[in-house]
C-alpha atoms as a PDB file:
ATOM      1  CA  MET A   1       0.000   0.000   0.000  1.00  0.00           C
ATOM      2  CA  SER A   2       1.585   3.248  -1.094  1.00  0.00           C
ATOM      3  CA  LEU A   3       1.713   6.335   1.063  1.00  0.00           C
ATOM      4  CA  ASP A   4      -0.401   8.149  -1.509  1.00  0.00           C
ATOM      5  CA  VAL A   5      -3.307   5.830  -0.636  1.00  0.00           C
ATOM      6  CA  ARG A   6      -5.540   6.154   2.441  1.00  0.00           C
ATOM      7  CA  LEU A   7      -3.767   9.238   3.776  1.00  0.00           C
ATOM      8  CA  THR A   8      -6.030  11.708   1.982  1.00  0.00           C
ATOM      9  CA  ALA A   9      -9.271  10.376   3.440  1.00  0.00           C
ATOM     10  CA  ASN A  10      -9.718  13.528   5.520  1.00  0.00           C
ATOM     11  CA  PRO A  11      -9.134  16.568   3.246  1.00  0.00           C
ATOM     12  CA  ALA A  12      -9.371  18.969   6.186  1.00  0.00           C
ATOM     13  CA  ALA A  13      -6.515  17.222   7.947  1.00  0.00           C
ATOM     14  CA  HIS A  14      -3.767  18.450   5.656  1.00  0.00           C
ATOM     15  CA  PRO A  15      -2.797  21.842   4.238  1.00  0.00           C
ATOM     16  CA  LYS A  16      -4.480  23.290   1.182  1.00  0.00           C
ATOM     17  CA  HIS A  17      -1.134  24.408  -0.189  1.00  0.00           C
ATOM     18  CA  ILE A  18       0.172  22.050  -2.868  1.00  0.00           C
ATOM     19  CA  PRO A  19       3.866  22.311  -3.761  1.00  0.00           C
ATOM     20  CA  SER A  20       4.297  24.415  -6.865  1.00  0.00           C
ATOM     21  CA  ILE A  21       7.994  23.803  -7.331  1.00  0.00           C
ATOM     22  CA  ASP A  22       9.058  21.601 -10.221  1.00  0.00           C
ATOM     23  CA  LEU A  23      10.402  18.226  -9.130  1.00  0.00           C
ATOM     24  CA  PRO A  24      11.915  15.375 -11.108  1.00  0.00           C
ATOM     25  CA  ALA A  25      10.213  11.996 -11.100  1.00  0.00           C
ATOM     26  CA  PRO A  26      10.325  10.505  -7.596  1.00  0.00           C
ATOM     27  CA  ALA A  27      13.303   8.237  -6.934  1.00  0.00           C
ATOM     28  CA  THR A  28      12.816   4.641  -5.896  1.00  0.00           C
ATOM     29  CA  LEU A  29      14.432   3.414  -2.704  1.00  0.00           C
ATOM     30  CA  PRO A  30      17.256   3.449  -1.920  1.00  0.00           C
ATOM     31  CA  GLY A  31      18.356   5.956  -4.580  1.00  0.00           C
ATOM     32  CA  ASP A  32      22.068   6.075  -5.335  1.00  0.00           C
ATOM     33  CA  GLN A  33      23.278   5.526  -1.766  1.00  0.00           C
ATOM     34  CA  ALA A  34      22.735   2.795   0.805  1.00  0.00           C
ATOM     35  CA  LEU A  35      19.914   3.067   3.327  1.00  0.00           C
ATOM     36  CA  PHE A  36      19.407   1.412   6.696  1.00  0.00           C
ATOM     37  CA  LEU A  37      17.823   2.274  10.048  1.00  0.00           C
ATOM     38  CA  SER A  38      20.101   4.735  11.846  1.00  0.00           C
ATOM     39  CA  GLU A  39      20.106   7.937  13.859  1.00  0.00           C
ATOM     40  CA  GLY A  40      21.219   9.972  10.845  1.00  0.00           C
ATOM     41  CA  VAL A  41      22.432   9.710   7.272  1.00  0.00           C
ATOM     42  CA  GLU A  42      26.125  10.274   7.989  1.00  0.00           C
ATOM     43  CA  GLY A  43      28.196   7.252   7.087  1.00  0.00           C
ATOM     44  CA  LEU A  44      25.396   5.376   5.333  1.00  0.00           C
ATOM     45  CA  ASP A  45      27.539   4.827   2.259  1.00  0.00           C
ATOM     46  CA  GLU A  46      30.946   4.211   3.841  1.00  0.00           C
ATOM     47  CA  GLY A  47      30.974   0.566   2.814  1.00  0.00           C
ATOM     48  CA  ALA A  48      30.656   1.448  -0.874  1.00  0.00           C
ATOM     49  CA  HIS A  49      34.290   2.555  -0.906  1.00  0.00           C
ATOM     50  CA  PHE A  50      35.979  -0.411   0.743  1.00  0.00           C
ATOM     51  CA  LEU A  51      37.860  -1.349  -2.458  1.00  0.00           C
ATOM     52  CA  ASP A  52      38.786   2.187  -3.499  1.00  0.00           C
ATOM     53  CA  THR A  53      42.465   1.841  -2.501  1.00  0.00           C
ATOM     54  CA  LEU A  54      43.150  -1.053  -4.872  1.00  0.00           C
ATOM     55  CA  THR A  55      45.427  -0.305  -7.823  1.00  0.00           C
ATOM     56  CA  PRO A  56      44.271  -1.031 -11.402  1.00  0.00           C
ATOM     57  CA  ASP A  57      46.458  -4.166 -11.444  1.00  0.00           C
ATOM     58  CA  GLU A  58      44.977  -5.360  -8.142  1.00  0.00           C
ATOM     59  CA  TRP A  59      41.480  -4.724  -9.477  1.00  0.00           C
ATOM     60  CA  ALA A  60      42.280  -6.771 -12.562  1.00  0.00           C
ATOM     61  CA  LYS A  61      43.490  -9.650 -10.403  1.00  0.00           C
ATOM     62  CA  LEU A  62      40.387  -9.405  -8.226  1.00  0.00           C
ATOM     63  CA  LYS A  63      38.106  -9.558 -11.246  1.00  0.00           C
ATOM     64  CA  SER A  64      40.014 -12.467 -12.725  1.00  0.00           C
ATOM     65  CA  GLN A  65      39.249 -14.495  -9.600  1.00  0.00           C
ATOM     66  CA  GLY A  66      35.549 -13.627  -9.615  1.00  0.00           C
ATOM     67  CA  ARG A  67      32.530 -14.657 -11.639  1.00  0.00           C
ATOM     68  CA  GLN A  68      30.172 -12.149 -13.255  1.00  0.00           C
ATOM     69  CA  LEU A  69      26.490 -12.679 -12.423  1.00  0.00           C
ATOM     70  CA  SER A  70      23.370 -10.859 -13.586  1.00  0.00           C
ATOM     71  CA  PHE A  71      20.029 -10.650 -11.787  1.00  0.00           C
ATOM     72  CA  ARG A  72      16.709  -9.222 -12.900  1.00  0.00           C
ATOM     73  CA  ALA A  73      14.647  -7.023 -10.579  1.00  0.00           C
ATOM     74  CA  GLY A  74      12.849  -9.248  -8.079  1.00  0.00           C
ATOM     75  CA  GLN A  75      15.278 -12.160  -8.373  1.00  0.00           C
ATOM     76  CA  ALA A  76      16.835 -13.719  -5.268  1.00  0.00           C
ATOM     77  CA  ILE A  77      20.607 -13.336  -5.065  1.00  0.00           C
ATOM     78  CA  PHE A  78      20.814 -15.639  -2.049  1.00  0.00           C
ATOM     79  CA  ASN A  79      18.206 -17.054   0.314  1.00  0.00           C
ATOM     80  CA  GLN A  80      18.033 -17.348   4.062  1.00  0.00           C
ATOM     81  CA  GLY A  81      19.097 -20.898   4.954  1.00  0.00           C
ATOM     82  CA  ASP A  82      21.214 -21.435   1.820  1.00  0.00           C
ATOM     83  CA  GLY A  83      24.803 -22.518   2.336  1.00  0.00           C
ATOM     84  CA  HIS A  84      27.491 -19.813   2.250  1.00  0.00           C
ATOM     85  CA  GLY A  85      29.767 -19.942  -0.757  1.00  0.00           C
ATOM     86  CA  GLY A  86      31.426 -16.522  -0.879  1.00  0.00           C
ATOM     87  CA  ILE A  87      30.544 -12.836  -1.177  1.00  0.00           C
ATOM     88  CA  PHE A  88      28.781 -10.734  -3.808  1.00  0.00           C
ATOM     89  CA  ILE A  89      30.131  -7.306  -4.831  1.00  0.00           C
ATOM     90  CA  ILE A  90      27.488  -5.029  -6.364  1.00  0.00           C
ATOM     91  CA  GLU A  91      28.828  -3.479  -9.570  1.00  0.00           C
ATOM     92  CA  ALA A  92      25.486  -2.050 -10.709  1.00  0.00           C
ATOM     93  CA  GLY A  93      21.953  -2.004  -9.326  1.00  0.00           C
ATOM     94  CA  ASN A  94      20.283  -2.018  -5.904  1.00  0.00           C
ATOM     95  CA  VAL A  95      19.780  -4.886  -3.465  1.00  0.00           C
ATOM     96  CA  ARG A  96      17.535  -5.331  -0.423  1.00  0.00           C
ATOM     97  CA  VAL A  97      18.789  -7.565   2.391  1.00  0.00           C
ATOM     98  CA  PHE A  98      16.111  -8.830   4.790  1.00  0.00           C
ATOM     99  CA  TYR A  99      15.343 -11.373   7.509  1.00  0.00           C
ATOM    100  CA  THR A 100      12.171 -13.469   7.486  1.00  0.00           C
ATOM    101  CA  ALA A 101      10.782 -14.652  10.820  1.00  0.00           C
ATOM    102  CA  PRO A 102       9.090 -18.052  11.215  1.00  0.00           C
ATOM    103  CA  SER A 103       5.773 -16.155  11.211  1.00  0.00           C
ATOM    104  CA  GLY A 104       6.570 -14.844   7.717  1.00  0.00           C
ATOM    105  CA  ARG A 105       7.077 -11.263   8.898  1.00  0.00           C
ATOM    106  CA  GLU A 106      10.075  -9.514   7.341  1.00  0.00           C
ATOM    107  CA  ILE A 107      12.463  -6.856   8.576  1.00  0.00           C
ATOM    108  CA  THR A 108      14.657  -4.992   6.105  1.00  0.00           C
ATOM    109  CA  LEU A 109      18.241  -4.884   7.308  1.00  0.00           C
ATOM    110  CA  ALA A 110      19.492  -2.557   4.588  1.00  0.00           C
ATOM    111  CA  TYR A 111      19.256  -1.390   1.007  1.00  0.00           C
ATOM    112  CA  TRP A 112      22.669  -1.741  -0.652  1.00  0.00           C
ATOM    113  CA  THR A 113      23.947  -0.018  -3.778  1.00  0.00           C
ATOM    114  CA  LYS A 114      26.939  -0.031  -6.127  1.00  0.00           C
ATOM    115  CA  GLY A 115      30.256  -0.716  -4.421  1.00  0.00           C
ATOM    116  CA  HIS A 116      28.900  -2.585  -1.403  1.00  0.00           C
ATOM    117  CA  PHE A 117      29.370  -6.284  -0.835  1.00  0.00           C
ATOM    118  CA  ILE A 118      26.671  -8.616   0.446  1.00  0.00           C
ATOM    119  CA  GLY A 119      26.556 -12.255   1.508  1.00  0.00           C
ATOM    120  CA  GLY A 120      28.362 -12.028   4.866  1.00  0.00           C
ATOM    121  CA  PRO A 121      29.040 -12.475   7.675  1.00  0.00           C
ATOM    122  CA  GLU A 122      30.724 -15.717   6.591  1.00  0.00           C
ATOM    123  CA  MET A 123      33.526 -14.939   4.165  1.00  0.00           C
ATOM    124  CA  THR A 124      35.332 -18.170   3.359  1.00  0.00           C
ATOM    125  CA  GLY A 125      32.512 -20.706   3.240  1.00  0.00           C
ATOM    126  CA  GLY A 126      30.696 -22.765   5.851  1.00  0.00           C
ATOM    127  CA  GLY A 127      27.446 -22.132   7.636  1.00  0.00           C
ATOM    128  CA  VAL A 128      24.259 -20.810   6.077  1.00  0.00           C
ATOM    129  CA  HIS A 129      22.908 -17.401   5.143  1.00  0.00           C
ATOM    130  CA  ILE A 130      20.985 -15.978   8.085  1.00  0.00           C
ATOM    131  CA  TRP A 131      19.102 -13.516   5.880  1.00  0.00           C
ATOM    132  CA  SER A 132      18.183 -13.098   2.201  1.00  0.00           C
ATOM    133  CA  GLY A 133      19.179 -10.725  -0.588  1.00  0.00           C
ATOM    134  CA  GLU A 134      17.011  -9.740  -3.555  1.00  0.00           C
ATOM    135  CA  ALA A 135      17.626  -7.506  -6.558  1.00  0.00           C
ATOM    136  CA  LEU A 136      15.476  -4.349  -6.509  1.00  0.00           C
ATOM    137  CA  SER A 137      16.597  -3.461 -10.022  1.00  0.00           C
ATOM    138  CA  ASP A 138      18.598  -5.211 -12.704  1.00  0.00           C
ATOM    139  CA  CYS A 139      21.933  -5.962 -11.052  1.00  0.00           C
ATOM    140  CA  ARG A 140      25.444  -6.819 -12.152  1.00  0.00           C
ATOM    141  CA  ILE A 141      27.308  -8.722  -9.445  1.00  0.00           C
ATOM    142  CA  LEU A 142      30.897  -9.925  -9.049  1.00  0.00           C
ATOM    143  CA  PHE A 143      30.810 -13.168  -7.074  1.00  0.00           C
ATOM    144  CA  LEU A 144      33.974 -14.134  -5.189  1.00  0.00           C
ATOM    145  CA  ALA A 145      33.777 -17.773  -4.135  1.00  0.00           C
ATOM    146  CA  ALA A 146      35.348 -18.852  -0.836  1.00  0.00           C
ATOM    147  CA  PRO A 147      38.462 -20.412  -2.448  1.00  0.00           C
ATOM    148  CA  ALA A 148      39.040 -17.251  -4.488  1.00  0.00           C
ATOM    149  CA  LEU A 149      38.689 -15.101  -1.369  1.00  0.00           C
ATOM    150  CA  LYS A 150      41.264 -17.183   0.483  1.00  0.00           C
ATOM    151  CA  LYS A 151      43.658 -16.922  -2.465  1.00  0.00           C
ATOM    152  CA  LEU A 152      43.239 -13.156  -2.769  1.00  0.00           C
ATOM    153  CA  VAL A 153      43.673 -12.567   0.965  1.00  0.00           C
ATOM    154  CA  THR A 154      46.920 -14.562   0.856  1.00  0.00           C
ATOM    155  CA  GLU A 155      48.318 -13.007  -2.315  1.00  0.00           C
ATOM    156  CA  LEU A 156      47.036  -9.421  -1.983  1.00  0.00           C
ATOM    157  CA  PRO A 157      47.556  -7.961   1.519  1.00  0.00           C
ATOM    158  CA  SER A 158      45.953  -4.728   0.288  1.00  0.00           C
ATOM    159  CA  PHE A 159      42.771  -6.652  -0.509  1.00  0.00           C
ATOM    160  CA  ALA A 160      42.810  -8.220   2.957  1.00  0.00           C
ATOM    161  CA  LEU A 161      42.912  -4.709   4.465  1.00  0.00           C
ATOM    162  CA  CYS A 162      40.061  -3.619   2.197  1.00  0.00           C
ATOM    163  CA  LEU A 163      38.015  -6.583   3.350  1.00  0.00           C
ATOM    164  CA  LEU A 164      38.582  -5.640   6.994  1.00  0.00           C
ATOM    165  CA  GLN A 165      37.382  -2.112   6.237  1.00  0.00           C
ATOM    166  CA  GLY A 166      34.313  -3.485   4.473  1.00  0.00           C
ATOM    167  CA  LEU A 167      33.504  -5.719   7.428  1.00  0.00           C
ATOM    168  CA  ALA A 168      33.934  -2.782   9.809  1.00  0.00           C
ATOM    169  CA  ALA A 169      31.457  -0.726   7.763  1.00  0.00           C
ATOM    170  CA  LYS A 170      28.959  -3.603   7.852  1.00  0.00           C
ATOM    171  CA  GLY A 171      29.434  -3.913  11.617  1.00  0.00           C
ATOM    172  CA  ARG A 172      28.675  -0.209  12.092  1.00  0.00           C
ATOM    173  CA  CYS A 173      25.546  -0.573   9.952  1.00  0.00           C
ATOM    174  CA  TYR A 174      24.082  -3.438  11.927  1.00  0.00           C
ATOM    175  CA  SER A 175      25.142  -1.881  15.229  1.00  0.00           C
ATOM    176  CA  ALA A 176      23.239   1.287  14.278  1.00  0.00           C
ATOM    177  CA  MET A 177      20.156  -0.758  13.449  1.00  0.00           C
ATOM    178  CA  ALA A 178      20.394  -2.771  16.686  1.00  0.00           C
ATOM    179  CA  GLN A 179      20.746   0.427  18.701  1.00  0.00           C
ATOM    180  CA  MET A 180      17.654   1.927  17.067  1.00  0.00           C
ATOM    181  CA  LEU A 181      15.580  -1.214  17.587  1.00  0.00           C
ATOM    182  CA  GLY A 182      16.767  -1.624  21.161  1.00  0.00           C
ATOM    183  CA  THR A 183      16.659   1.946  22.471  1.00  0.00           C
ATOM    184  CA  ARG A 184      14.046   3.801  20.397  1.00  0.00           C
ATOM    185  CA  SER A 185      10.291   3.344  20.472  1.00  0.00           C
ATOM    186  CA  VAL A 186       8.622   2.448  17.196  1.00  0.00           C
ATOM    187  CA  ILE A 187       7.146   5.947  16.817  1.00  0.00           C
ATOM    188  CA  GLU A 188      10.628   7.423  17.282  1.00  0.00           C
ATOM    189  CA  ARG A 189      11.976   5.056  14.648  1.00  0.00           C
ATOM    190  CA  LEU A 190       9.234   6.100  12.223  1.00  0.00           C
ATOM    191  CA  ALA A 191       9.935   9.790  12.807  1.00  0.00           C
ATOM    192  CA  GLN A 192      13.680   9.237  12.399  1.00  0.00           C
ATOM    193  CA  PHE A 193      13.191   7.277   9.182  1.00  0.00           C
ATOM    194  CA  LEU A 194      11.093  10.098   7.705  1.00  0.00           C
ATOM    195  CA  ILE A 195      13.786  12.590   8.731  1.00  0.00           C
ATOM    196  CA  ASN A 196      16.449  10.433   7.089  1.00  0.00           C
ATOM    197  CA  LEU A 197      14.386  10.213   3.893  1.00  0.00           C
ATOM    198  CA  GLY A 198      14.065  13.992   3.974  1.00  0.00           C
ATOM    199  CA  ASP A 199      17.838  14.340   4.319  1.00  0.00           C
ATOM    200  CA  ARG A 200      18.464  11.879   1.479  1.00  0.00           C
ATOM    201  CA  HIS A 201      15.667  12.716  -0.957  1.00  0.00           C
ATOM    202  CA  GLY A 202      14.322  16.028   0.339  1.00  0.00           C
ATOM    203  CA  VAL A 203      13.721  19.276  -1.520  1.00  0.00           C
ATOM    204  CA  ARG A 204      13.063  22.443   0.487  1.00  0.00           C
ATOM    205  CA  ASP A 205       9.830  24.350  -0.067  1.00  0.00           C
ATOM    206  CA  GLY A 206       9.854  27.138   2.474  1.00  0.00           C
ATOM    207  CA  ARG A 207       9.923  25.489   5.911  1.00  0.00           C
ATOM    208  CA  ALA A 208       8.622  22.208   4.538  1.00  0.00           C
ATOM    209  CA  ILE A 209      10.619  19.334   3.059  1.00  0.00           C
ATOM    210  CA  ILE A 210       9.276  17.344   0.115  1.00  0.00           C
ATOM    211  CA  ILE A 211      10.512  13.736   0.075  1.00  0.00           C
ATOM    212  CA  ASN A 212      10.922  13.051  -3.608  1.00  0.00           C
ATOM    213  CA  ALA A 213      10.948   9.255  -3.383  1.00  0.00           C
ATOM    214  CA  LYS A 214       8.466   6.440  -3.850  1.00  0.00           C
ATOM    215  CA  VAL A 215       7.938   4.586  -0.590  1.00  0.00           C
ATOM    216  CA  THR A 216       5.196   2.237   0.570  1.00  0.00           C
ATOM    217  CA  HIS A 217       3.723   1.425   3.962  1.00  0.00           C
ATOM    218  CA  ASP A 218       5.151  -2.070   3.661  1.00  0.00           C
ATOM    219  CA  GLN A 219       8.654  -0.699   3.017  1.00  0.00           C
ATOM    220  CA  ILE A 220       8.460   1.650   5.987  1.00  0.00           C
ATOM    221  CA  ALA A 221       7.086  -1.071   8.267  1.00  0.00           C
ATOM    222  CA  ALA A 222       9.901  -3.455   7.309  1.00  0.00           C
ATOM    223  CA  MET A 223      12.487  -0.746   8.004  1.00  0.00           C
ATOM    224  CA  VAL A 224      11.188   0.397  11.398  1.00  0.00           C
ATOM    225  CA  GLY A 225      10.220  -3.055  12.692  1.00  0.00           C
ATOM    226  CA  SER A 226       6.453  -2.639  12.707  1.00  0.00           C
ATOM    227  CA  THR A 227       3.395  -3.598  10.640  1.00  0.00           C
ATOM    228  CA  ARG A 228       1.827  -1.940   7.624  1.00  0.00           C
ATOM    229  CA  GLN A 229      -1.384  -1.380   9.603  1.00  0.00           C
ATOM    230  CA  TRP A 230       0.486   0.461  12.364  1.00  0.00           C
ATOM    231  CA  VAL A 231       2.362   2.619   9.835  1.00  0.00           C
ATOM    232  CA  THR A 232      -0.929   3.528   8.129  1.00  0.00           C
ATOM    233  CA  MET A 233      -2.447   4.502  11.485  1.00  0.00           C
ATOM    234  CA  MET A 234       0.557   6.604  12.535  1.00  0.00           C
ATOM    235  CA  MET A 235       0.845   8.369   9.191  1.00  0.00           C
ATOM    236  CA  LYS A 236      -2.829   9.334   9.490  1.00  0.00           C
ATOM    237  CA  ARG A 237      -2.106  10.656  12.972  1.00  0.00           C
ATOM    238  CA  PHE A 238       0.927  12.608  11.719  1.00  0.00           C
ATOM    239  CA  GLN A 239      -1.203  14.073   8.972  1.00  0.00           C
ATOM    240  CA  LYS A 240      -4.020  14.997  11.368  1.00  0.00           C
ATOM    241  CA  ASP A 241      -1.461  16.741  13.597  1.00  0.00           C
ATOM    242  CA  GLY A 242      -0.124  18.686  10.618  1.00  0.00           C
ATOM    243  CA  LEU A 243       3.306  17.045  10.653  1.00  0.00           C
ATOM    244  CA  VAL A 244       3.079  15.575   7.160  1.00  0.00           C
ATOM    245  CA  ALA A 245       0.936  15.802   4.054  1.00  0.00           C
ATOM    246  CA  VAL A 246       0.754  13.490   1.081  1.00  0.00           C
ATOM    247  CA  THR A 247       0.243  14.251  -2.592  1.00  0.00           C
ATOM    248  CA  PRO A 248      -0.201  11.629  -5.315  1.00  0.00           C
ATOM    249  CA  ARG A 249       3.575  11.715  -5.904  1.00  0.00           C
ATOM    250  CA  HIS A 250       5.306  12.912  -2.746  1.00  0.00           C
ATOM    251  CA  ILE A 251       5.450  12.894   1.045  1.00  0.00           C
ATOM    252  CA  ARG A 252       5.681  16.410   2.408  1.00  0.00           C
ATOM    253  CA  ILE A 253       7.107  17.032   5.886  1.00  0.00           C
ATOM    254  CA  GLU A 254       5.299  20.179   6.986  1.00  0.00           C
ATOM    255  CA  ARG A 255       6.931  20.484  10.419  1.00  0.00           C
ATOM    256  CA  PRO A 256      10.437  18.957  10.408  1.00  0.00           C
ATOM    257  CA  HIS A 257      11.179  20.300  13.885  1.00  0.00           C
ATOM    258  CA  ALA A 258       8.117  18.544  15.283  1.00  0.00           C
ATOM    259  CA  LEU A 259       9.402  15.229  13.942  1.00  0.00           C
ATOM    260  CA  MET A 260      12.775  15.971  15.526  1.00  0.00           C
ATOM    261  CA  GLU A 261      11.031  16.585  18.852  1.00  0.00           C
ATOM    262  CA  ILE A 262       9.471  13.113  18.628  1.00  0.00           C
ATOM    263  CA  VAL A 263      12.902  11.613  17.972  1.00  0.00           C
ATOM    264  CA  SER A 264      14.424  13.418  20.945  1.00  0.00           C
ATOM    265  CA  LYS A 265      11.779  12.173  23.407  1.00  0.00           C
ATOM    266  CA  ARG A 266      12.994   8.825  24.673  1.00  0.00           C
ATOM    267  CA  GLY A 267      10.539   6.325  26.048  1.00  0.00           C
ATOM    268  CA  THR A 268       7.539   7.769  24.190  1.00  0.00           C
END
């Protein structure tokens, strides 16, 4: 269910003013940078640069040890419960990584973009994937199998250092998500996620911020650890309180400071 559905049931609940500024077509999540649940947007894309220090010759050797894979939008790259066989480096496209509970409920761990690797935490084989990865758009992936990884780590110390940096970036990502889930109420997480979307995809219109991105209730619920029904209810409440408004194409944050006040109130 998209945010442009159900939220306009009460016309008196949101402002009459409709943004007059020209905007490009709304982006689809995650855009051109990674996205995960965090207390801000700083550092969201650190992991995309973990191989930047490799020389052209080292890159050529890395690619020679890998296997090029292509995935269509909607295809599974790996599935929760599958055996680990190596890592996947995203060369083009966007990927969603998510965990599925026994009940069938999903939580999105992150949206990854070009430059990031997925398929951890196991690096050299053994064990099973504890979450799944799916292509959100057509993707080009460089797969490094466990034997190739071991060979590269042994023969290219610079690659081993890059891998450590990549793992550190992943650790910070999942630590940020765990901190949000463990210390913030669900309404705080929703407010923070809207703020982050405003920082990433926002366009100023006076005091308001227009989030120029397509996002659904299901996507928000999976990011903040809630249900679509709860997100729908809270977005209606935010709209009634004048915090947000919704047009057929955009989410408009009318009172950014009010959302920040929700985020700053612990234990709400």
